[in-house]
Amino acid sequence: MYAVIGRWTTDPGRAEEHDRELHDVIVPMVKAHPGFVAAYWARDPQTGLRHTTIVLDTEESAHAFKAMVEGRRQHAAASGVTNDFLVITDVLADAHR
């Protein structure tokens, strides 16, 4: 498995808009991506930075997902969201309750 990990800076004055877009657009789009395994979205309450971990079944799926996200950077910037970094990593282990 592979993970696409990102960090995002958002306009704090548009938090409700960002949360609505996350739930209404981004989550369904990610779940529909070929190779989807799991996804997590988090926000640091101290800094307001948002963090994402999207797990995909193959390296090819991870690269395609990263390219899709990079292709949406203009849309994100217009919405007050800036991608600080986006990397593909190997998943070494996972654990669930």
PDB file of N, CA and C in Angstrom:
ATOM      1  N   MET A   1       0.845  -1.183   0.000  1.00  0.00           N
ATOM      2  CA  MET A   1       0.000   0.000   0.000  1.00  0.00           C
ATOM      3  C   MET A   1       0.884   1.238   0.000  1.00  0.00           C
ATOM      4  N   TYR A   2       0.276   2.338  -0.432  1.00  0.00           N
ATOM      5  CA  TYR A   2       0.958   3.618  -0.521  1.00  0.00           C
ATOM      6  C   TYR A   2       0.061   4.688   0.072  1.00  0.00           C
ATOM      7  N   ALA A   3       0.671   5.744   0.582  1.00  0.00           N
ATOM      8  CA  ALA A   3      -0.094   6.865   1.126  1.00  0.00           C
ATOM      9  C   ALA A   3       0.335   8.145   0.431  1.00  0.00           C
ATOM     10  N   VAL A   4      -0.640   8.997   0.177  1.00  0.00           N
ATOM     11  CA  VAL A   4      -0.371  10.347  -0.298  1.00  0.00           C
ATOM     12  C   VAL A   4      -0.651  11.244   0.902  1.00  0.00           C
ATOM     13  N   ILE A   5       0.405  11.875   1.399  1.00  0.00           N
ATOM     14  CA  ILE A   5       0.312  12.672   2.616  1.00  0.00           C
ATOM     15  C   ILE A   5       0.496  14.137   2.252  1.00  0.00           C
ATOM     16  N   GLY A   6      -0.392  14.980   2.772  1.00  0.00           N
ATOM     17  CA  GLY A   6      -0.321  16.400   2.470  1.00  0.00           C
ATOM     18  C   GLY A   6      -0.573  17.265   3.679  1.00  0.00           C
ATOM     19  N   ARG A   7      -0.120  18.497   3.582  1.00  0.00           N
ATOM     20  CA  ARG A   7      -0.433  19.521   4.580  1.00  0.00           C
ATOM     21  C   ARG A   7      -0.993  20.723   3.841  1.00  0.00           C
ATOM     22  N   TRP A   8      -1.994  21.359   4.458  1.00  0.00           N
ATOM     23  CA  TRP A   8      -2.753  22.419   3.805  1.00  0.00           C
ATOM     24  C   TRP A   8      -2.892  23.610   4.735  1.00  0.00           C
ATOM     25  N   THR A   9      -2.672  24.796   4.199  1.00  0.00           N
ATOM     26  CA  THR A   9      -2.940  26.036   4.917  1.00  0.00           C
ATOM     27  C   THR A   9      -4.255  26.574   4.379  1.00  0.00           C
ATOM     28  N   THR A  10      -5.157  26.933   5.287  1.00  0.00           N
ATOM     29  CA  THR A  10      -6.475  27.398   4.872  1.00  0.00           C
ATOM     30  C   THR A  10      -6.768  28.774   5.450  1.00  0.00           C
ATOM     31  N   ASP A  11      -7.653  29.484   4.791  1.00  0.00           N
ATOM     32  CA  ASP A  11      -8.121  30.785   5.260  1.00  0.00           C
ATOM     33  C   ASP A  11      -9.048  30.539   6.450  1.00  0.00           C
ATOM     34  N   PRO A  12      -8.658  30.950   7.666  1.00  0.00           N
ATOM     35  CA  PRO A  12      -9.483  30.658   8.834  1.00  0.00           C
ATOM     36  C   PRO A  12     -10.876  31.295   8.777  1.00  0.00           C
ATOM     37  N   GLY A  13     -11.028  32.345   8.030  1.00  0.00           N
ATOM     38  CA  GLY A  13     -12.327  32.988   7.885  1.00  0.00           C
ATOM     39  C   GLY A  13     -13.291  32.212   6.998  1.00  0.00           C
ATOM     40  N   ARG A  14     -12.785  31.169   6.356  1.00  0.00           N
ATOM     41  CA  ARG A  14     -13.618  30.373   5.453  1.00  0.00           C
ATOM     42  C   ARG A  14     -13.725  28.911   5.907  1.00  0.00           C
ATOM     43  N   ALA A  15     -13.527  28.674   7.208  1.00  0.00           N
ATOM     44  CA  ALA A  15     -13.499  27.309   7.751  1.00  0.00           C
ATOM     45  C   ALA A  15     -14.790  26.558   7.462  1.00  0.00           C
ATOM     46  N   GLU A  16     -15.943  27.201   7.627  1.00  0.00           N
ATOM     47  CA  GLU A  16     -17.220  26.520   7.360  1.00  0.00           C
ATOM     48  C   GLU A  16     -17.323  26.108   5.900  1.00  0.00           C
ATOM     49  N   GLU A  17     -16.911  26.998   5.007  1.00  0.00           N
ATOM     50  CA  GLU A  17     -16.921  26.694   3.572  1.00  0.00           C
ATOM     51  C   GLU A  17     -15.994  25.514   3.268  1.00  0.00           C
ATOM     52  N   HIS A  18     -14.811  25.514   3.879  1.00  0.00           N
ATOM     53  CA  HIS A  18     -13.846  24.432   3.651  1.00  0.00           C
ATOM     54  C   HIS A  18     -14.384  23.105   4.175  1.00  0.00           C
ATOM     55  N   ASP A  19     -15.010  23.132   5.347  1.00  0.00           N
ATOM     56  CA  ASP A  19     -15.569  21.896   5.912  1.00  0.00           C
ATOM     57  C   ASP A  19     -16.703  21.355   5.048  1.00  0.00           C
ATOM     58  N   ARG A  20     -17.527  22.241   4.535  1.00  0.00           N
ATOM     59  CA  ARG A  20     -18.634  21.831   3.653  1.00  0.00           C
ATOM     60  C   ARG A  20     -18.087  21.208   2.367  1.00  0.00           C
ATOM     61  N   GLU A  21     -17.090  21.838   1.770  1.00  0.00           N
ATOM     62  CA  GLU A  21     -16.466  21.301   0.552  1.00  0.00           C
ATOM     63  C   GLU A  21     -15.822  19.942   0.838  1.00  0.00           C
ATOM     64  N   LEU A  22     -15.180  19.826   1.992  1.00  0.00           N
ATOM     65  CA  LEU A  22     -14.560  18.558   2.372  1.00  0.00           C
ATOM     66  C   LEU A  22     -15.591  17.437   2.383  1.00  0.00           C
ATOM     67  N   HIS A  23     -16.690  17.660   3.085  1.00  0.00           N
ATOM     68  CA  HIS A  23     -17.694  16.602   3.243  1.00  0.00           C
ATOM     69  C   HIS A  23     -18.531  16.365   1.986  1.00  0.00           C
ATOM     70  N   ASP A  24     -18.845  17.427   1.257  1.00  0.00           N
ATOM     71  CA  ASP A  24     -19.744  17.309   0.104  1.00  0.00           C
ATOM     72  C   ASP A  24     -19.036  16.948  -1.202  1.00  0.00           C
ATOM     73  N   VAL A  25     -17.771  17.340  -1.340  1.00  0.00           N
ATOM     74  CA  VAL A  25     -17.067  17.158  -2.618  1.00  0.00           C
ATOM     75  C   VAL A  25     -15.832  16.265  -2.478  1.00  0.00           C
ATOM     76  N   ILE A  26     -14.952  16.628  -1.566  1.00  0.00           N
ATOM     77  CA  ILE A  26     -13.648  15.965  -1.506  1.00  0.00           C
ATOM     78  C   ILE A  26     -13.756  14.522  -1.037  1.00  0.00           C
ATOM     79  N   VAL A  27     -14.467  14.274   0.077  1.00  0.00           N
ATOM     80  CA  VAL A  27     -14.569  12.904   0.583  1.00  0.00           C
ATOM     81  C   VAL A  27     -15.157  11.962  -0.472  1.00  0.00           C
ATOM     82  N   PRO A  28     -16.295  12.299  -1.097  1.00  0.00           N
ATOM     83  CA  PRO A  28     -16.814  11.390  -2.130  1.00  0.00           C
ATOM     84  C   PRO A  28     -15.851  11.205  -3.312  1.00  0.00           C
ATOM     85  N   MET A  29     -15.159  12.275  -3.715  1.00  0.00           N
ATOM     86  CA  MET A  29     -14.217  12.185  -4.829  1.00  0.00           C
ATOM     87  C   MET A  29     -13.063  11.240  -4.474  1.00  0.00           C
ATOM     88  N   VAL A  30     -12.546  11.345  -3.261  1.00  0.00           N
ATOM     89  CA  VAL A  30     -11.442  10.487  -2.827  1.00  0.00           C
ATOM     90  C   VAL A  30     -11.910   9.034  -2.750  1.00  0.00           C
ATOM     91  N   LYS A  31     -13.074   8.802  -2.163  1.00  0.00           N
ATOM     92  CA  LYS A  31     -13.585   7.431  -2.032  1.00  0.00           C
ATOM     93  C   LYS A  31     -13.797   6.767  -3.390  1.00  0.00           C
ATOM     94  N   ALA A  32     -14.119   7.552  -4.412  1.00  0.00           N
ATOM     95  CA  ALA A  32     -14.371   7.020  -5.751  1.00  0.00           C
ATOM     96  C   ALA A  32     -13.088   6.800  -6.554  1.00  0.00           C
ATOM     97  N   HIS A  33     -11.951   7.281  -6.049  1.00  0.00           N
ATOM     98  CA  HIS A  33     -10.711   7.158  -6.800  1.00  0.00           C
ATOM     99  C   HIS A  33     -10.291   5.689  -6.882  1.00  0.00           C
ATOM    100  N   PRO A  34      -9.887   5.226  -8.068  1.00  0.00           N
ATOM    101  CA  PRO A  34      -9.425   3.836  -8.210  1.00  0.00           C
ATOM    102  C   PRO A  34      -8.286   3.522  -7.243  1.00  0.00           C
ATOM    103  N   GLY A  35      -8.394   2.403  -6.564  1.00  0.00           N
ATOM    104  CA  GLY A  35      -7.359   1.984  -5.635  1.00  0.00           C
ATOM    105  C   GLY A  35      -7.541   2.498  -4.222  1.00  0.00           C
ATOM    106  N   PHE A  36      -8.624   3.235  -3.967  1.00  0.00           N
ATOM    107  CA  PHE A  36      -8.869   3.791  -2.635  1.00  0.00           C
ATOM    108  C   PHE A  36      -8.908   2.686  -1.581  1.00  0.00           C
ATOM    109  N   VAL A  37      -8.235   2.920  -0.446  1.00  0.00           N
ATOM    110  CA  VAL A  37      -8.250   2.009   0.694  1.00  0.00           C
ATOM    111  C   VAL A  37      -8.822   2.715   1.921  1.00  0.00           C
ATOM    112  N   ALA A  38      -8.274   3.871   2.266  1.00  0.00           N
ATOM    113  CA  ALA A  38      -8.707   4.608   3.456  1.00  0.00           C
ATOM    114  C   ALA A  38      -8.248   6.059   3.325  1.00  0.00           C
ATOM    115  N   ALA A  39      -8.857   6.935   4.112  1.00  0.00           N
ATOM    116  CA  ALA A  39      -8.456   8.339   4.084  1.00  0.00           C
ATOM    117  C   ALA A  39      -8.736   8.979   5.439  1.00  0.00           C
ATOM    118  N   TYR A  40      -7.878   9.917   5.787  1.00  0.00           N
ATOM    119  CA  TYR A  40      -8.015  10.645   7.041  1.00  0.00           C
ATOM    120  C   TYR A  40      -7.730  12.121   6.789  1.00  0.00           C
ATOM    121  N   TRP A  41      -8.580  12.963   7.347  1.00  0.00           N
ATOM    122  CA  TRP A  41      -8.408  14.411   7.284  1.00  0.00           C
ATOM    123  C   TRP A  41      -8.346  14.905   8.714  1.00  0.00           C
ATOM    124  N   ALA A  42      -7.378  15.757   9.014  1.00  0.00           N
ATOM    125  CA  ALA A  42      -7.207  16.233  10.385  1.00  0.00           C
ATOM    126  C   ALA A  42      -6.854  17.721  10.374  1.00  0.00           C
ATOM    127  N   ARG A  43      -7.135  18.358  11.507  1.00  0.00           N
ATOM    128  CA  ARG A  43      -6.792  19.779  11.653  1.00  0.00           C
ATOM    129  C   ARG A  43      -6.070  19.949  12.984  1.00  0.00           C
ATOM    130  N   ASP A  44      -4.942  20.640  12.955  1.00  0.00           N
ATOM    131  CA  ASP A  44      -4.194  20.946  14.164  1.00  0.00           C
ATOM    132  C   ASP A  44      -4.879  22.126  14.851  1.00  0.00           C
ATOM    133  N   PRO A  45      -5.412  21.941  16.057  1.00  0.00           N
ATOM    134  CA  PRO A  45      -6.130  23.036  16.713  1.00  0.00           C
ATOM    135  C   PRO A  45      -5.223  24.197  17.110  1.00  0.00           C
ATOM    136  N   GLN A  46      -3.926  23.953  17.239  1.00  0.00           N
ATOM    137  CA  GLN A  46      -2.979  25.013  17.603  1.00  0.00           C
ATOM    138  C   GLN A  46      -2.679  25.938  16.423  1.00  0.00           C
ATOM    139  N   THR A  47      -2.461  25.348  15.247  1.00  0.00           N
ATOM    140  CA  THR A  47      -2.024  26.138  14.086  1.00  0.00           C
ATOM    141  C   THR A  47      -3.112  26.332  13.040  1.00  0.00           C
ATOM    142  N   GLY A  48      -4.134  25.479  13.069  1.00  0.00           N
ATOM    143  CA  GLY A  48      -5.167  25.527  12.039  1.00  0.00           C
ATOM    144  C   GLY A  48      -4.768  24.800  10.765  1.00  0.00           C
ATOM    145  N   LEU A  49      -3.536  24.290  10.707  1.00  0.00           N
ATOM    146  CA  LEU A  49      -3.105  23.557   9.519  1.00  0.00           C
ATOM    147  C   LEU A  49      -3.905  22.265   9.399  1.00  0.00           C
ATOM    148  N   ARG A  50      -4.207  21.892   8.165  1.00  0.00           N
ATOM    149  CA  ARG A  50      -4.920  20.646   7.900  1.00  0.00           C
ATOM    150  C   ARG A  50      -3.947  19.631   7.327  1.00  0.00           C
ATOM    151  N   HIS A  51      -4.157  18.374   7.708  1.00  0.00           N
ATOM    152  CA  HIS A  51      -3.282  17.287   7.286  1.00  0.00           C
ATOM    153  C   HIS A  51      -4.142  16.187   6.670  1.00  0.00           C
ATOM    154  N   THR A  52      -3.640  15.580   5.599  1.00  0.00           N
ATOM    155  CA  THR A  52      -4.372  14.498   4.950  1.00  0.00           C
ATOM    156  C   THR A  52      -3.469  13.289   4.768  1.00  0.00           C
ATOM    157  N   THR A  53      -4.067  12.125   4.934  1.00  0.00           N
ATOM    158  CA  THR A  53      -3.406  10.859   4.634  1.00  0.00           C
ATOM    159  C   THR A  53      -4.400  10.038   3.836  1.00  0.00           C
ATOM    160  N   ILE A  54      -4.083   9.801   2.582  1.00  0.00           N
ATOM    161  CA  ILE A  54      -4.938   9.032   1.687  1.00  0.00           C
ATOM    162  C   ILE A  54      -4.179   7.750   1.344  1.00  0.00           C
ATOM    163  N   VAL A  55      -4.766   6.616   1.673  1.00  0.00           N
ATOM    164  CA  VAL A  55      -4.113   5.325   1.451  1.00  0.00           C
ATOM    165  C   VAL A  55      -4.701   4.670   0.201  1.00  0.00           C
ATOM    166  N   LEU A  56      -3.801   4.214  -0.677  1.00  0.00           N
ATOM    167  CA  LEU A  56      -4.196   3.589  -1.933  1.00  0.00           C
ATOM    168  C   LEU A  56      -3.493   2.248  -2.080  1.00  0.00           C
ATOM    169  N   ASP A  57      -4.065   1.373  -2.889  1.00  0.00           N
ATOM    170  CA  ASP A  57      -3.551   0.009  -2.947  1.00  0.00           C
ATOM    171  C   ASP A  57      -2.294  -0.179  -3.785  1.00  0.00           C
ATOM    172  N   THR A  58      -2.045   0.692  -4.759  1.00  0.00           N
ATOM    173  CA  THR A  58      -0.859   0.532  -5.614  1.00  0.00           C
ATOM    174  C   THR A  58      -0.126   1.859  -5.775  1.00  0.00           C
ATOM    175  N   GLU A  59       1.131   1.754  -6.143  1.00  0.00           N
ATOM    176  CA  GLU A  59       1.923   2.956  -6.402  1.00  0.00           C
ATOM    177  C   GLU A  59       1.331   3.741  -7.577  1.00  0.00           C
ATOM    178  N   GLU A  60       0.848   3.024  -8.573  1.00  0.00           N
ATOM    179  CA  GLU A  60       0.225   3.676  -9.728  1.00  0.00           C
ATOM    180  C   GLU A  60      -0.993   4.500  -9.295  1.00  0.00           C
ATOM    181  N   SER A  61      -1.830   3.931  -8.436  1.00  0.00           N
ATOM    182  CA  SER A  61      -2.997   4.664  -7.929  1.00  0.00           C
ATOM    183  C   SER A  61      -2.568   5.894  -7.142  1.00  0.00           C
ATOM    184  N   ALA A  62      -1.505   5.761  -6.361  1.00  0.00           N
ATOM    185  CA  ALA A  62      -1.013   6.887  -5.565  1.00  0.00           C
ATOM    186  C   ALA A  62      -0.522   8.020  -6.463  1.00  0.00           C
ATOM    187  N   HIS A  63       0.220   7.681  -7.522  1.00  0.00           N
ATOM    188  CA  HIS A  63       0.707   8.712  -8.440  1.00  0.00           C
ATOM    189  C   HIS A  63      -0.458   9.380  -9.184  1.00  0.00           C
ATOM    190  N   ALA A  64      -1.442   8.593  -9.589  1.00  0.00           N
ATOM    191  CA  ALA A  64      -2.611   9.169 -10.265  1.00  0.00           C
ATOM    192  C   ALA A  64      -3.385  10.085  -9.322  1.00  0.00           C
ATOM    193  N   PHE A  65      -3.514   9.686  -8.070  1.00  0.00           N
ATOM    194  CA  PHE A  65      -4.217  10.514  -7.094  1.00  0.00           C
ATOM    195  C   PHE A  65      -3.463  11.824  -6.865  1.00  0.00           C
ATOM    196  N   LYS A  66      -2.148  11.735  -6.682  1.00  0.00           N
ATOM    197  CA  LYS A  66      -1.337  12.943  -6.469  1.00  0.00           C
ATOM    198  C   LYS A  66      -1.468  13.888  -7.657  1.00  0.00           C
ATOM    199  N   ALA A  67      -1.438  13.357  -8.863  1.00  0.00           N
ATOM    200  CA  ALA A  67      -1.583  14.191 -10.063  1.00  0.00           C
ATOM    201  C   ALA A  67      -2.955  14.868 -10.093  1.00  0.00           C
ATOM    202  N   MET A  68      -4.002  14.149  -9.684  1.00  0.00           N
ATOM    203  CA  MET A  68      -5.336  14.736  -9.650  1.00  0.00           C
ATOM    204  C   MET A  68      -5.374  15.907  -8.675  1.00  0.00           C
ATOM    205  N   VAL A  69      -4.804  15.710  -7.485  1.00  0.00           N
ATOM    206  CA  VAL A  69      -4.791  16.776  -6.477  1.00  0.00           C
ATOM    207  C   VAL A  69      -4.010  17.976  -6.994  1.00  0.00           C
ATOM    208  N   GLU A  70      -2.858  17.727  -7.593  1.00  0.00           N
ATOM    209  CA  GLU A  70      -2.045  18.829  -8.124  1.00  0.00           C
ATOM    210  C   GLU A  70      -2.783  19.571  -9.220  1.00  0.00           C
ATOM    211  N   GLY A  71      -3.599  18.885  -9.980  1.00  0.00           N
ATOM    212  CA  GLY A  71      -4.397  19.525 -11.027  1.00  0.00           C
ATOM    213  C   GLY A  71      -5.511  20.404 -10.493  1.00  0.00           C
ATOM    214  N   ARG A  72      -5.833  20.253  -9.221  1.00  0.00           N
ATOM    215  CA  ARG A  72      -6.890  21.051  -8.589  1.00  0.00           C
ATOM    216  C   ARG A  72      -6.336  22.211  -7.756  1.00  0.00           C
ATOM    217  N   ARG A  73      -5.035  22.458  -7.828  1.00  0.00           N
ATOM    218  CA  ARG A  73      -4.424  23.496  -6.982  1.00  0.00           C
ATOM    219  C   ARG A  73      -5.002  24.877  -7.237  1.00  0.00           C
ATOM    220  N   GLN A  74      -5.292  25.211  -8.495  1.00  0.00           N
ATOM    221  CA  GLN A  74      -5.870  26.527  -8.793  1.00  0.00           C
ATOM    222  C   GLN A  74      -7.241  26.667  -8.149  1.00  0.00           C
ATOM    223  N   HIS A  75      -8.049  25.631  -8.254  1.00  0.00           N
ATOM    224  CA  HIS A  75      -9.377  25.641  -7.630  1.00  0.00           C
ATOM    225  C   HIS A  75      -9.239  25.815  -6.120  1.00  0.00           C
ATOM    226  N   ALA A  76      -8.319  25.074  -5.525  1.00  0.00           N
ATOM    227  CA  ALA A  76      -8.106  25.160  -4.078  1.00  0.00           C
ATOM    228  C   ALA A  76      -7.655  26.564  -3.681  1.00  0.00           C
ATOM    229  N   ALA A  77      -6.713  27.129  -4.409  1.00  0.00           N
ATOM    230  CA  ALA A  77      -6.212  28.464  -4.087  1.00  0.00           C
ATOM    231  C   ALA A  77      -7.318  29.502  -4.166  1.00  0.00           C
ATOM    232  N   ALA A  78      -8.204  29.372  -5.151  1.00  0.00           N
ATOM    233  CA  ALA A  78      -9.327  30.301  -5.266  1.00  0.00           C
ATOM    234  C   ALA A  78     -10.282  30.170  -4.085  1.00  0.00           C
ATOM    235  N   SER A  79     -10.263  29.003  -3.436  1.00  0.00           N
ATOM    236  CA  SER A  79     -11.113  28.763  -2.271  1.00  0.00           C
ATOM    237  C   SER A  79     -10.404  29.081  -0.965  1.00  0.00           C
ATOM    238  N   GLY A  80      -9.178  29.582  -1.033  1.00  0.00           N
ATOM    239  CA  GLY A  80      -8.441  29.922   0.180  1.00  0.00           C
ATOM    240  C   GLY A  80      -7.687  28.764   0.794  1.00  0.00           C
ATOM    241  N   VAL A  81      -7.327  27.762  -0.037  1.00  0.00           N
ATOM    242  CA  VAL A  81      -6.596  26.590   0.451  1.00  0.00           C
ATOM    243  C   VAL A  81      -5.289  26.479  -0.330  1.00  0.00           C
ATOM    244  N   THR A  82      -4.169  26.382   0.392  1.00  0.00           N
ATOM    245  CA  THR A  82      -2.861  26.255  -0.230  1.00  0.00           C
ATOM    246  C   THR A  82      -2.225  24.941   0.210  1.00  0.00           C
ATOM    247  N   ASN A  83      -1.701  24.186  -0.752  1.00  0.00           N
ATOM    248  CA  ASN A  83      -1.018  22.935  -0.440  1.00  0.00           C
ATOM    249  C   ASN A  83       0.429  23.248  -0.078  1.00  0.00           C
ATOM    250  N   ASP A  84       0.824  22.912   1.154  1.00  0.00           N
ATOM    251  CA  ASP A  84       2.189  23.156   1.609  1.00  0.00           C
ATOM    252  C   ASP A  84       3.139  22.073   1.114  1.00  0.00           C
ATOM    253  N   PHE A  85       2.676  20.821   1.133  1.00  0.00           N
ATOM    254  CA  PHE A  85       3.446  19.732   0.544  1.00  0.00           C
ATOM    255  C   PHE A  85       2.528  18.556   0.280  1.00  0.00           C
ATOM    256  N   LEU A  86       2.945  17.705  -0.635  1.00  0.00           N
ATOM    257  CA  LEU A  86       2.198  16.508  -1.009  1.00  0.00           C
ATOM    258  C   LEU A  86       3.226  15.458  -1.414  1.00  0.00           C
ATOM    259  N   VAL A  87       3.286  14.350  -0.663  1.00  0.00           N
ATOM    260  CA  VAL A  87       4.295  13.317  -0.919  1.00  0.00           C
ATOM    261  C   VAL A  87       3.642  11.942  -0.983  1.00  0.00           C
ATOM    262  N   ILE A  88       4.295  11.047  -1.695  1.00  0.00           N
ATOM    263  CA  ILE A  88       3.874   9.646  -1.746  1.00  0.00           C
ATOM    264  C   ILE A  88       4.840   8.851  -0.880  1.00  0.00           C
ATOM    265  N   THR A  89       4.279   8.024  -0.004  1.00  0.00           N
ATOM    266  CA  THR A  89       5.105   7.202   0.885  1.00  0.00           C
ATOM    267  C   THR A  89       4.671   5.742   0.796  1.00  0.00           C
ATOM    268  N   ASP A  90       5.561   4.852   1.163  1.00  0.00           N
ATOM    269  CA  ASP A  90       5.210   3.442   1.344  1.00  0.00           C
ATOM    270  C   ASP A  90       4.505   3.322   2.697  1.00  0.00           C
ATOM    271  N   VAL A  91       3.460   2.524   2.764  1.00  0.00           N
ATOM    272  CA  VAL A  91       2.829   2.205   4.052  1.00  0.00           C
ATOM    273  C   VAL A  91       3.540   0.984   4.598  1.00  0.00           C
ATOM    274  N   LEU A  92       4.159   1.135   5.739  1.00  0.00           N
ATOM    275  CA  LEU A  92       4.947   0.050   6.327  1.00  0.00           C
ATOM    276  C   LEU A  92       4.119  -0.869   7.223  1.00  0.00           C
ATOM    277  N   ALA A  93       3.094  -0.321   7.852  1.00  0.00           N
ATOM    278  CA  ALA A  93       2.229  -1.107   8.730  1.00  0.00           C
ATOM    279  C   ALA A  93       0.951  -0.323   8.971  1.00  0.00           C
ATOM    280  N   ASP A  94      -0.087  -1.037   9.391  1.00  0.00           N
ATOM    281  CA  ASP A  94      -1.303  -0.355   9.787  1.00  0.00           C
ATOM    282  C   ASP A  94      -1.924  -1.108  10.950  1.00  0.00           C
ATOM    283  N   ALA A  95      -2.729  -0.420  11.727  1.00  0.00           N
ATOM    284  CA  ALA A  95      -3.384  -1.033  12.882  1.00  0.00           C
ATOM    285  C   ALA A  95      -4.758  -0.414  13.026  1.00  0.00           C
ATOM    286  N   HIS A  96      -5.700  -1.222  13.448  1.00  0.00           N
ATOM    287  CA  HIS A  96      -7.076  -0.739  13.645  1.00  0.00           C
ATOM    288  C   HIS A  96      -7.580  -1.291  14.972  1.00  0.00           C
ATOM    289  N   ARG A  97      -8.533  -0.591  15.527  1.00  0.00           N
ATOM    290  CA  ARG A  97      -9.114  -1.037  16.786  1.00  0.00           C
ATOM    291  C   ARG A  97      -9.965  -2.231  16.569  1.00  0.00           C
TER     292      ARG A  97
END
